[in-house]
N, C-alpha and C. Protein backbone atom coordinates (compact mmCIF):
# COMPACT_ATOMS: atom_id res chain seq x y z
N MET A 1 161.53 232.45 114.68
CA MET A 1 160.20 232.91 114.28
C MET A 1 160.18 234.44 114.18
N THR A 2 159.73 234.93 113.05
CA THR A 2 159.69 236.37 112.83
C THR A 2 158.49 236.98 113.56
N LEU A 3 158.76 238.00 114.35
CA LEU A 3 157.68 238.65 115.08
C LEU A 3 156.98 239.67 114.19
N PRO A 4 155.69 239.84 114.37
CA PRO A 4 154.96 240.87 113.60
C PRO A 4 155.45 242.26 113.96
N GLU A 5 155.28 243.20 113.05
CA GLU A 5 155.72 244.57 113.27
C GLU A 5 154.56 245.54 113.00
N PRO A 6 153.56 245.54 113.89
CA PRO A 6 152.39 246.39 113.65
C PRO A 6 152.61 247.87 113.98
N PHE A 7 153.65 248.17 114.76
CA PHE A 7 153.84 249.54 115.23
C PHE A 7 155.23 250.06 114.90
N GLY A 8 155.33 251.38 114.81
CA GLY A 8 156.61 252.05 114.69
C GLY A 8 156.83 252.92 115.91
N ILE A 9 158.04 252.88 116.46
CA ILE A 9 158.37 253.65 117.66
C ILE A 9 159.62 254.49 117.39
N ILE A 10 159.55 255.76 117.71
CA ILE A 10 160.70 256.65 117.54
C ILE A 10 160.92 257.44 118.83
N PRO A 11 161.86 257.01 119.68
CA PRO A 11 162.27 257.87 120.79
C PRO A 11 163.07 259.04 120.21
N THR A 12 162.88 260.23 120.72
CA THR A 12 163.56 261.40 120.14
C THR A 12 165.07 261.18 120.09
N GLY A 13 165.63 261.44 118.92
CA GLY A 13 167.07 261.33 118.75
C GLY A 13 167.57 259.94 118.46
N THR A 14 166.67 258.98 118.22
CA THR A 14 167.09 257.60 117.94
C THR A 14 166.40 257.11 116.67
N PRO A 15 166.95 256.04 116.04
CA PRO A 15 166.34 255.52 114.81
C PRO A 15 164.98 254.88 115.06
N LEU A 16 164.24 254.68 113.98
CA LEU A 16 162.94 254.02 114.03
C LEU A 16 163.08 252.59 114.54
N LEU A 17 162.17 252.20 115.43
CA LEU A 17 162.14 250.85 115.98
C LEU A 17 160.81 250.20 115.59
N THR A 18 160.88 249.04 114.92
CA THR A 18 159.65 248.37 114.49
C THR A 18 159.53 246.93 114.99
N THR A 19 160.65 246.28 115.25
CA THR A 19 160.62 244.87 115.65
C THR A 19 160.51 244.74 117.16
N PRO A 20 159.48 244.08 117.67
CA PRO A 20 159.35 243.90 119.12
C PRO A 20 160.48 243.05 119.68
N THR A 21 160.86 243.30 120.92
CA THR A 21 161.81 242.43 121.60
C THR A 21 161.17 241.09 121.87
N SER A 22 159.88 241.12 122.21
CA SER A 22 159.12 239.89 122.42
C SER A 22 157.64 240.19 122.25
N ALA A 23 156.86 239.14 122.08
CA ALA A 23 155.40 239.27 121.97
C ALA A 23 154.77 238.21 122.86
N PRO A 24 154.44 238.56 124.12
CA PRO A 24 153.85 237.59 125.04
C PRO A 24 152.58 236.94 124.52
N SER A 25 151.83 237.66 123.67
CA SER A 25 150.61 237.11 123.08
C SER A 25 150.40 237.78 121.74
N ALA A 26 149.34 237.37 121.05
CA ALA A 26 149.05 237.95 119.73
C ALA A 26 148.62 239.41 119.82
N THR A 27 148.29 239.87 121.01
CA THR A 27 147.83 241.25 121.18
C THR A 27 148.73 242.08 122.08
N GLN A 28 149.89 241.53 122.46
CA GLN A 28 150.80 242.24 123.36
C GLN A 28 152.21 242.24 122.78
N PHE A 29 152.84 243.42 122.80
CA PHE A 29 154.16 243.57 122.21
C PHE A 29 155.05 244.36 123.16
N LEU A 30 156.28 243.88 123.35
CA LEU A 30 157.24 244.54 124.22
C LEU A 30 158.43 245.01 123.39
N TYR A 31 158.90 246.22 123.69
CA TYR A 31 160.03 246.81 122.98
C TYR A 31 161.03 247.32 124.00
N THR A 32 162.28 246.91 123.87
CA THR A 32 163.33 247.46 124.72
C THR A 32 163.87 248.71 124.04
N LEU A 33 163.69 249.83 124.68
CA LEU A 33 164.12 251.10 124.09
C LEU A 33 165.61 251.31 124.31
N PRO A 34 166.29 251.94 123.38
CA PRO A 34 167.74 252.12 123.49
C PRO A 34 168.12 252.98 124.69
N ILE A 35 169.32 252.71 125.22
CA ILE A 35 169.83 253.50 126.33
C ILE A 35 170.34 254.82 125.77
N HIS A 36 169.48 255.79 125.79
CA HIS A 36 169.77 257.09 125.20
C HIS A 36 168.82 258.10 125.82
N PRO A 37 169.31 259.25 126.23
CA PRO A 37 168.40 260.24 126.84
C PRO A 37 167.39 260.76 125.83
N PHE A 38 166.13 260.64 126.17
CA PHE A 38 165.07 261.19 125.32
C PHE A 38 163.90 261.59 126.20
N SER A 39 163.12 262.53 125.71
CA SER A 39 162.00 263.05 126.51
C SER A 39 160.64 262.80 125.87
N HIS A 40 160.62 262.37 124.60
CA HIS A 40 159.36 262.13 123.90
C HIS A 40 159.42 260.81 123.14
N LEU A 41 158.25 260.21 122.97
CA LEU A 41 158.11 258.98 122.19
C LEU A 41 157.05 259.20 121.12
N CYS A 42 157.40 258.91 119.88
CA CYS A 42 156.41 258.93 118.80
C CYS A 42 156.04 257.49 118.48
N ILE A 43 154.76 257.17 118.50
CA ILE A 43 154.29 255.81 118.22
C ILE A 43 153.20 255.88 117.18
N PHE A 44 153.26 254.98 116.20
CA PHE A 44 152.26 255.01 115.13
C PHE A 44 151.97 253.60 114.62
N LEU A 45 150.79 253.44 114.05
CA LEU A 45 150.42 252.20 113.38
C LEU A 45 151.11 252.15 112.02
N GLN A 46 151.64 250.98 111.66
CA GLN A 46 152.22 250.83 110.33
C GLN A 46 151.11 251.02 109.29
N PRO A 47 151.44 251.58 108.12
CA PRO A 47 150.42 251.90 107.11
C PRO A 47 149.55 250.72 106.70
N SER A 48 150.10 249.52 106.73
CA SER A 48 149.33 248.35 106.28
C SER A 48 148.54 247.68 107.39
N VAL A 49 148.59 248.25 108.60
CA VAL A 49 147.98 247.60 109.77
C VAL A 49 146.64 248.24 110.10
N THR A 50 145.64 247.40 110.32
CA THR A 50 144.33 247.84 110.79
C THR A 50 143.98 247.06 112.05
N LEU A 51 143.68 247.74 113.12
CA LEU A 51 143.34 247.05 114.36
C LEU A 51 141.98 246.38 114.24
N PRO A 52 141.75 245.30 115.00
CA PRO A 52 140.43 244.66 115.00
C PRO A 52 139.35 245.66 115.41
N PRO A 53 138.12 245.45 114.95
CA PRO A 53 137.02 246.36 115.31
C PRO A 53 136.86 246.50 116.82
N ASN A 54 136.50 247.69 117.25
CA ASN A 54 136.21 247.98 118.65
C ASN A 54 137.43 247.78 119.56
N THR A 55 138.63 247.99 119.01
CA THR A 55 139.85 247.89 119.81
C THR A 55 140.72 249.12 119.59
N ALA A 56 141.67 249.31 120.49
CA ALA A 56 142.67 250.36 120.37
C ALA A 56 143.97 249.83 120.94
N ALA A 57 145.06 250.49 120.64
CA ALA A 57 146.37 250.06 121.13
C ALA A 57 146.76 250.91 122.33
N ALA A 58 146.75 250.30 123.50
CA ALA A 58 147.14 250.99 124.73
C ALA A 58 148.66 250.96 124.86
N VAL A 59 149.23 252.09 125.25
CA VAL A 59 150.69 252.23 125.33
C VAL A 59 151.10 252.34 126.79
N TYR A 60 152.07 251.50 127.17
CA TYR A 60 152.56 251.48 128.55
C TYR A 60 154.08 251.60 128.56
N LEU A 61 154.63 252.11 129.65
CA LEU A 61 156.07 252.23 129.80
C LEU A 61 156.48 251.71 131.16
N GLN A 62 157.53 250.88 131.16
CA GLN A 62 158.03 250.30 132.40
C GLN A 62 159.43 250.81 132.69
N SER A 63 159.62 251.35 133.87
CA SER A 63 160.94 251.82 134.27
C SER A 63 161.78 250.64 134.73
N PRO A 64 163.10 250.68 134.51
CA PRO A 64 163.96 249.57 134.95
C PRO A 64 164.27 249.59 136.43
N SER A 65 163.80 250.58 137.16
CA SER A 65 164.07 250.67 138.58
C SER A 65 162.80 250.97 139.34
N PRO A 66 162.73 250.60 140.63
CA PRO A 66 161.52 250.90 141.42
C PRO A 66 161.28 252.39 141.49
N PRO A 67 160.02 252.81 141.57
CA PRO A 67 159.71 254.24 141.66
C PRO A 67 160.23 254.84 142.95
N PRO A 68 160.64 256.11 142.94
CA PRO A 68 161.21 256.74 144.14
C PRO A 68 160.21 256.90 145.27
N ASN A 69 158.91 256.86 144.98
CA ASN A 69 157.91 257.06 146.02
C ASN A 69 157.58 255.78 146.78
N GLY A 70 158.31 254.70 146.49
CA GLY A 70 158.10 253.46 147.22
C GLY A 70 156.96 252.62 146.72
N GLY A 71 156.43 252.90 145.54
CA GLY A 71 155.34 252.11 144.97
C GLY A 71 155.83 250.77 144.47
N PRO A 72 154.92 249.98 143.87
CA PRO A 72 155.30 248.66 143.35
C PRO A 72 156.40 248.80 142.31
N PRO A 73 157.45 247.96 142.40
CA PRO A 73 158.57 248.07 141.46
C PRO A 73 158.22 247.52 140.08
N PHE A 74 158.81 248.12 139.07
CA PHE A 74 158.75 247.61 137.70
C PHE A 74 157.34 247.53 137.13
N THR A 75 156.44 248.34 137.60
CA THR A 75 155.09 248.33 137.06
C THR A 75 155.03 249.16 135.78
N PHE A 76 154.09 248.81 134.90
CA PHE A 76 153.90 249.55 133.67
C PHE A 76 152.98 250.74 133.92
N THR A 77 153.35 251.88 133.40
CA THR A 77 152.56 253.10 133.51
C THR A 77 151.85 253.37 132.20
N PHE A 78 150.54 253.60 132.26
CA PHE A 78 149.75 253.87 131.05
C PHE A 78 150.07 255.28 130.55
N LEU A 79 150.43 255.38 129.26
CA LEU A 79 150.75 256.67 128.66
C LEU A 79 149.62 257.23 127.82
N GLY A 80 148.87 256.36 127.16
CA GLY A 80 147.83 256.80 126.25
C GLY A 80 147.52 255.70 125.25
N ALA A 81 147.00 256.07 124.08
CA ALA A 81 146.59 255.05 123.12
C ALA A 81 146.57 255.62 121.71
N ILE A 82 146.61 254.71 120.75
CA ILE A 82 146.40 255.05 119.34
C ILE A 82 145.39 254.06 118.78
N GLY A 83 144.79 254.41 117.66
CA GLY A 83 143.80 253.53 117.06
C GLY A 83 143.08 254.23 115.92
N ALA A 84 141.91 253.72 115.58
CA ALA A 84 141.14 254.29 114.48
C ALA A 84 140.84 255.76 114.73
N GLY A 85 141.19 256.60 113.77
CA GLY A 85 140.99 258.03 113.92
C GLY A 85 142.14 258.75 114.57
N LYS A 86 143.04 258.01 115.19
CA LYS A 86 144.25 258.57 115.80
C LYS A 86 145.34 257.52 115.67
N GLU A 87 145.90 257.42 114.47
CA GLU A 87 146.85 256.35 114.17
C GLU A 87 148.26 256.63 114.68
N SER A 88 148.50 257.80 115.23
CA SER A 88 149.83 258.12 115.76
C SER A 88 149.68 259.08 116.93
N ALA A 89 150.71 259.12 117.76
CA ALA A 89 150.70 260.03 118.91
C ALA A 89 152.12 260.26 119.38
N VAL A 90 152.34 261.41 120.00
CA VAL A 90 153.63 261.72 120.61
C VAL A 90 153.40 261.85 122.12
N PHE A 91 154.16 261.09 122.89
CA PHE A 91 154.00 261.08 124.34
C PHE A 91 155.21 261.75 124.99
N LYS A 92 154.95 262.69 125.87
CA LYS A 92 156.01 263.34 126.63
C LYS A 92 156.23 262.56 127.92
N LEU A 93 157.49 262.18 128.17
CA LEU A 93 157.80 261.38 129.34
C LEU A 93 158.01 262.26 130.56
N SER A 94 157.65 261.73 131.71
CA SER A 94 157.92 262.44 132.96
C SER A 94 159.42 262.40 133.22
N PRO A 95 159.94 263.33 134.02
CA PRO A 95 161.38 263.35 134.31
C PRO A 95 161.90 262.03 134.87
N SER A 96 161.08 261.32 135.66
CA SER A 96 161.54 260.06 136.25
C SER A 96 161.83 259.02 135.18
N PHE A 97 161.04 259.00 134.11
CA PHE A 97 161.28 258.06 133.02
C PHE A 97 162.45 258.50 132.15
N SER A 98 162.46 259.76 131.76
CA SER A 98 163.50 260.23 130.84
C SER A 98 164.88 260.16 131.47
N SER A 99 164.98 260.41 132.79
CA SER A 99 166.28 260.36 133.44
C SER A 99 166.74 258.93 133.66
N SER A 100 165.79 257.98 133.79
CA SER A 100 166.17 256.60 134.07
C SER A 100 166.91 255.97 132.91
N THR A 101 166.74 256.49 131.70
CA THR A 101 167.42 255.91 130.54
C THR A 101 168.92 256.14 130.59
N THR A 102 169.36 257.07 131.40
CA THR A 102 170.79 257.34 131.48
C THR A 102 171.39 256.86 132.79
N THR A 103 170.57 256.55 133.79
CA THR A 103 171.10 256.19 135.10
C THR A 103 170.97 254.72 135.43
N THR A 104 169.94 254.07 134.94
CA THR A 104 169.71 252.68 135.35
C THR A 104 169.50 251.73 134.18
N GLY A 105 169.60 252.18 132.96
CA GLY A 105 169.44 251.26 131.85
C GLY A 105 168.26 251.59 130.97
N ALA A 106 167.92 250.63 130.11
CA ALA A 106 166.88 250.85 129.11
C ALA A 106 165.49 250.78 129.72
N LEU A 107 164.54 251.34 128.99
CA LEU A 107 163.13 251.26 129.36
C LEU A 107 162.45 250.20 128.51
N THR A 108 161.37 249.65 129.03
CA THR A 108 160.58 248.68 128.27
C THR A 108 159.24 249.31 127.93
N LEU A 109 158.94 249.34 126.64
CA LEU A 109 157.66 249.85 126.15
C LEU A 109 156.73 248.68 125.87
N GLY A 110 155.52 248.77 126.35
CA GLY A 110 154.52 247.74 126.09
C GLY A 110 153.34 248.31 125.32
N ILE A 111 152.92 247.62 124.28
CA ILE A 111 151.73 248.02 123.53
C ILE A 111 150.76 246.85 123.54
N SER A 112 149.56 247.10 123.99
CA SER A 112 148.56 246.06 124.16
C SER A 112 147.28 246.43 123.41
N ILE A 113 146.81 245.53 122.57
CA ILE A 113 145.56 245.76 121.85
C ILE A 113 144.40 245.38 122.77
N GLU A 114 143.61 246.37 123.16
CA GLU A 114 142.55 246.17 124.14
C GLU A 114 141.23 246.73 123.61
N SER A 115 140.16 246.45 124.32
CA SER A 115 138.86 246.96 123.91
C SER A 115 138.83 248.48 124.03
N VAL A 116 138.04 249.12 123.17
CA VAL A 116 137.91 250.58 123.22
C VAL A 116 137.37 251.02 124.57
N GLU A 117 136.45 250.24 125.14
CA GLU A 117 135.88 250.60 126.44
C GLU A 117 136.97 250.67 127.51
N SER A 118 137.86 249.66 127.53
CA SER A 118 138.93 249.64 128.51
C SER A 118 139.89 250.80 128.32
N VAL A 119 140.26 251.06 127.07
CA VAL A 119 141.20 252.14 126.78
C VAL A 119 140.58 253.50 127.12
N THR A 120 139.31 253.69 126.76
CA THR A 120 138.65 254.96 127.05
C THR A 120 138.60 255.23 128.55
N ALA A 121 138.33 254.19 129.34
CA ALA A 121 138.29 254.36 130.79
C ALA A 121 139.67 254.75 131.32
N GLN A 122 140.72 254.13 130.79
CA GLN A 122 142.07 254.47 131.23
C GLN A 122 142.45 255.89 130.82
N LEU A 123 142.04 256.30 129.64
CA LEU A 123 142.31 257.67 129.19
C LEU A 123 141.62 258.68 130.09
N ALA A 124 140.38 258.39 130.46
CA ALA A 124 139.65 259.30 131.33
C ALA A 124 140.31 259.40 132.70
N THR A 125 140.76 258.25 133.23
CA THR A 125 141.44 258.26 134.52
C THR A 125 142.75 259.02 134.44
N LEU A 126 143.47 258.83 133.33
CA LEU A 126 144.74 259.54 133.14
C LEU A 126 144.51 261.05 133.09
N GLU A 127 143.51 261.48 132.36
CA GLU A 127 143.23 262.91 132.26
C GLU A 127 142.75 263.47 133.60
N ALA A 128 142.02 262.63 134.36
CA ALA A 128 141.58 263.08 135.68
C ALA A 128 142.77 263.33 136.59
N ALA A 129 143.75 262.43 136.53
CA ALA A 129 144.94 262.59 137.36
C ALA A 129 145.72 263.83 136.94
N LYS A 130 145.83 264.06 135.63
CA LYS A 130 146.53 265.26 135.16
C LYS A 130 145.82 266.52 135.62
N THR A 131 144.49 266.48 135.56
CA THR A 131 143.71 267.65 135.94
C THR A 131 143.87 267.99 137.41
N THR A 132 143.81 266.97 138.26
CA THR A 132 143.90 267.23 139.69
C THR A 132 145.30 267.62 140.11
N ASN A 133 146.31 267.23 139.32
CA ASN A 133 147.70 267.55 139.68
C ASN A 133 148.21 268.82 139.00
N ASN A 134 147.41 269.42 138.17
CA ASN A 134 147.83 270.61 137.44
C ASN A 134 147.15 271.83 138.05
N GLY A 135 147.93 272.74 138.56
CA GLY A 135 147.37 273.92 139.22
C GLY A 135 146.48 274.73 138.31
N GLU A 136 146.78 274.77 137.01
CA GLU A 136 145.99 275.57 136.09
C GLU A 136 144.65 274.92 135.79
N ARG A 137 144.55 273.60 136.06
CA ARG A 137 143.30 272.92 135.77
C ARG A 137 142.65 272.40 137.04
N ALA A 138 143.07 272.88 138.18
CA ALA A 138 142.55 272.37 139.44
C ALA A 138 141.04 272.53 139.49
N LEU A 139 140.38 271.45 139.92
CA LEU A 139 138.92 271.48 139.98
C LEU A 139 138.48 272.01 141.34
N VAL A 140 138.47 273.33 141.45
CA VAL A 140 138.07 273.97 142.70
C VAL A 140 137.03 275.02 142.39
N VAL A 141 136.22 275.33 143.37
CA VAL A 141 135.26 276.41 143.22
C VAL A 141 136.00 277.73 143.33
N ARG A 142 135.68 278.66 142.45
CA ARG A 142 136.38 279.95 142.46
C ARG A 142 136.23 280.62 143.83
N GLY A 143 137.39 281.06 144.35
CA GLY A 143 137.39 281.78 145.61
C GLY A 143 137.31 280.89 146.82
N GLN A 144 137.33 279.54 146.62
CA GLN A 144 137.24 278.62 147.74
C GLN A 144 138.41 277.65 147.67
N ALA A 145 138.63 276.96 148.77
CA ALA A 145 139.65 275.91 148.77
C ALA A 145 139.09 274.72 148.02
N ALA A 146 139.97 273.76 147.72
CA ALA A 146 139.54 272.56 147.01
C ALA A 146 138.46 271.84 147.80
N GLY A 147 137.55 271.22 147.09
CA GLY A 147 136.42 270.58 147.73
C GLY A 147 136.75 269.30 148.46
N GLY A 148 137.98 268.77 148.29
CA GLY A 148 138.36 267.58 149.01
C GLY A 148 137.94 266.29 148.35
N LEU A 149 137.50 266.35 147.09
CA LEU A 149 137.11 265.13 146.40
C LEU A 149 138.34 264.31 146.07
N SER A 150 138.23 263.00 146.23
CA SER A 150 139.36 262.13 145.92
C SER A 150 139.52 262.00 144.42
N THR A 151 140.71 261.58 143.99
CA THR A 151 140.96 261.36 142.57
C THR A 151 140.01 260.31 142.03
N GLU A 152 139.69 259.28 142.84
CA GLU A 152 138.79 258.22 142.39
C GLU A 152 137.41 258.77 142.06
N VAL A 153 136.88 259.63 142.94
CA VAL A 153 135.55 260.20 142.71
C VAL A 153 135.57 261.10 141.48
N LEU A 154 136.60 261.93 141.36
CA LEU A 154 136.71 262.79 140.20
C LEU A 154 136.80 261.97 138.92
N ALA A 155 137.59 260.89 138.96
CA ALA A 155 137.72 260.03 137.78
C ALA A 155 136.39 259.42 137.40
N GLN A 156 135.63 258.97 138.40
CA GLN A 156 134.32 258.37 138.12
C GLN A 156 133.39 259.38 137.46
N ARG A 157 133.41 260.62 137.93
CA ARG A 157 132.53 261.64 137.36
C ARG A 157 132.99 262.04 135.96
N ILE A 158 134.30 262.07 135.75
CA ILE A 158 134.80 262.39 134.41
C ILE A 158 134.45 261.27 133.44
N ILE A 159 134.61 260.01 133.87
CA ILE A 159 134.26 258.88 133.02
C ILE A 159 132.78 258.91 132.67
N LYS A 160 131.94 259.26 133.66
CA LYS A 160 130.50 259.35 133.41
C LYS A 160 130.21 260.43 132.38
N ASP A 161 130.89 261.58 132.50
CA ASP A 161 130.70 262.66 131.54
C ASP A 161 131.14 262.21 130.15
N ALA A 162 132.25 261.47 130.09
CA ALA A 162 132.75 260.98 128.80
C ALA A 162 131.78 259.98 128.19
N PHE A 163 131.25 259.08 129.02
CA PHE A 163 130.32 258.07 128.52
C PHE A 163 129.08 258.72 127.92
N ASN A 164 128.54 259.71 128.64
CA ASN A 164 127.33 260.38 128.15
C ASN A 164 127.58 261.08 126.81
N PHE A 165 128.77 261.67 126.67
CA PHE A 165 129.10 262.36 125.41
C PHE A 165 129.36 261.37 124.29
N LEU A 166 130.15 260.30 124.58
CA LEU A 166 130.56 259.37 123.53
C LEU A 166 129.43 258.47 123.06
N ALA A 167 128.40 258.32 123.90
CA ALA A 167 127.29 257.44 123.52
C ALA A 167 126.64 257.88 122.21
N SER A 168 126.66 259.18 121.95
CA SER A 168 126.02 259.68 120.73
C SER A 168 126.85 259.40 119.49
N PHE A 169 128.12 258.99 119.67
CA PHE A 169 128.99 258.71 118.53
C PHE A 169 129.09 257.22 118.23
N SER A 170 128.47 256.38 119.04
CA SER A 170 128.62 254.95 118.85
C SER A 170 127.88 254.48 117.62
N GLY A 171 128.45 253.45 117.00
CA GLY A 171 127.83 252.83 115.84
C GLY A 171 127.91 251.33 115.96
N ASN A 172 127.03 250.63 115.29
CA ASN A 172 126.99 249.18 115.39
C ASN A 172 127.63 248.52 114.18
N LEU A 173 128.44 247.49 114.45
CA LEU A 173 128.98 246.67 113.38
C LEU A 173 127.97 245.59 113.02
N ALA A 174 128.33 244.76 112.05
CA ALA A 174 127.41 243.73 111.59
C ALA A 174 127.06 242.75 112.69
N ASN A 175 128.01 242.51 113.60
CA ASN A 175 127.76 241.56 114.68
C ASN A 175 127.12 242.21 115.90
N GLY A 176 126.72 243.46 115.77
CA GLY A 176 126.03 244.12 116.87
C GLY A 176 126.93 244.79 117.88
N VAL A 177 128.26 244.72 117.69
CA VAL A 177 129.19 245.33 118.62
C VAL A 177 129.20 246.84 118.42
N GLU A 178 129.10 247.59 119.51
CA GLU A 178 129.13 249.05 119.43
C GLU A 178 130.57 249.55 119.35
N VAL A 179 130.81 250.52 118.49
CA VAL A 179 132.15 251.06 118.28
C VAL A 179 132.12 252.57 118.46
N VAL A 180 133.12 253.09 119.17
CA VAL A 180 133.27 254.54 119.33
C VAL A 180 134.67 254.92 118.86
N PRO A 181 134.82 255.77 117.85
CA PRO A 181 136.15 256.15 117.35
C PRO A 181 136.92 256.97 118.38
N LEU A 182 138.25 256.78 118.40
CA LEU A 182 139.07 257.55 119.34
C LEU A 182 138.98 259.05 119.07
N LYS A 183 138.71 259.42 117.83
CA LYS A 183 138.56 260.84 117.50
C LYS A 183 137.45 261.47 118.31
N ALA A 184 136.41 260.69 118.58
CA ALA A 184 135.30 261.20 119.39
C ALA A 184 135.77 261.51 120.80
N PHE A 185 136.69 260.68 121.33
CA PHE A 185 137.22 260.94 122.67
C PHE A 185 138.00 262.24 122.68
N GLN A 186 138.78 262.50 121.62
CA GLN A 186 139.51 263.76 121.53
C GLN A 186 138.55 264.95 121.54
N ASN A 187 137.45 264.82 120.80
CA ASN A 187 136.47 265.90 120.75
C ASN A 187 135.85 266.13 122.12
N TRP A 188 135.57 265.01 122.83
CA TRP A 188 135.00 265.14 124.18
C TRP A 188 135.98 265.88 125.09
N TRP A 189 137.26 265.50 125.04
CA TRP A 189 138.22 266.11 125.96
C TRP A 189 138.36 267.60 125.70
N MET A 190 138.36 268.02 124.44
CA MET A 190 138.45 269.45 124.13
C MET A 190 137.25 270.20 124.71
N LYS A 191 136.06 269.59 124.58
CA LYS A 191 134.86 270.22 125.12
C LYS A 191 134.90 270.22 126.65
N PHE A 192 135.35 269.12 127.24
CA PHE A 192 135.41 268.98 128.69
C PHE A 192 136.42 269.97 129.28
N GLU A 193 137.59 270.09 128.62
CA GLU A 193 138.61 271.01 129.10
C GLU A 193 138.11 272.45 129.05
N GLY A 194 137.37 272.79 127.98
CA GLY A 194 136.82 274.13 127.89
C GLY A 194 135.82 274.41 128.99
N ARG A 195 135.03 273.39 129.35
CA ARG A 195 134.05 273.59 130.41
C ARG A 195 134.73 273.79 131.76
N ILE A 196 135.83 273.05 131.99
CA ILE A 196 136.56 273.21 133.25
C ILE A 196 137.09 274.63 133.39
N LYS A 197 137.61 275.16 132.27
CA LYS A 197 138.17 276.51 132.31
C LYS A 197 137.10 277.56 132.59
N SER A 198 135.90 277.34 132.05
CA SER A 198 134.83 278.32 132.23
C SER A 198 134.05 278.11 133.52
N ASP A 199 134.05 276.86 134.03
CA ASP A 199 133.28 276.55 135.24
C ASP A 199 134.04 275.49 136.03
N PRO A 200 135.12 275.84 136.75
CA PRO A 200 135.98 274.87 137.41
C PRO A 200 135.28 273.97 138.42
N GLY A 201 134.17 274.40 138.98
CA GLY A 201 133.56 273.62 140.05
C GLY A 201 132.41 272.73 139.62
N PHE A 202 132.20 272.54 138.31
CA PHE A 202 130.97 271.83 137.91
C PHE A 202 130.98 270.36 138.34
N LEU A 203 132.15 269.72 138.38
CA LEU A 203 132.19 268.32 138.81
C LEU A 203 131.90 268.19 140.30
N GLU A 204 132.35 269.16 141.08
CA GLU A 204 132.12 269.10 142.52
C GLU A 204 130.66 269.31 142.88
N ARG A 205 129.91 269.92 141.97
CA ARG A 205 128.49 270.16 142.24
C ARG A 205 127.62 268.99 141.82
N GLN A 206 128.20 267.98 141.16
CA GLN A 206 127.40 266.84 140.75
C GLN A 206 126.96 266.05 141.96
N GLU A 207 125.82 265.41 141.82
CA GLU A 207 125.31 264.60 142.92
C GLU A 207 126.15 263.36 143.08
N GLY A 208 126.12 262.78 144.26
CA GLY A 208 126.90 261.58 144.55
C GLY A 208 126.49 260.42 143.68
N ASP A 209 127.44 259.47 143.52
CA ASP A 209 127.19 258.31 142.66
C ASP A 209 126.21 257.35 143.34
């Protein structure tokens, strides 16, 4: 049985990959990446492919070995997404992923077609984690130590900020389903990042949930 080829994958320095290794369902695709050192992944929708309304393609990567910090083995890590308004993306891999391709074998890439709401929430959580772990974007009050907010609380406040911004971009399809383009999320993040730089402590001053 011929598997569908909705996506193109290019690990840096390797040929284009379009055929999934397997497809657990009609909306899930797994790709075994070649054993070759690479630090970036380019992923794009094939020109003839259109995702179902109100969905996006979430991108995950699974390491062939348990994480060094003792976390759950062989879990998929969310990298980001592509979809309407953002049909391609380049993902930079963390050193743990890029080095594993030469020490323990191939990586498994998973692409899952999910609701825009689910993908947007994961993107917000991902950006929250990046923000809290990046010294240049640390959410602290100027001249003070960090406020001690957990990543979960920060993620909830960032998601709330994203929801309030994206609500103005939603549109209704014929069946009444609300749709928000991924491009709108990019616009929100640029605005949000600018606000963090100009006022690093604004999330910490928000009232409790």
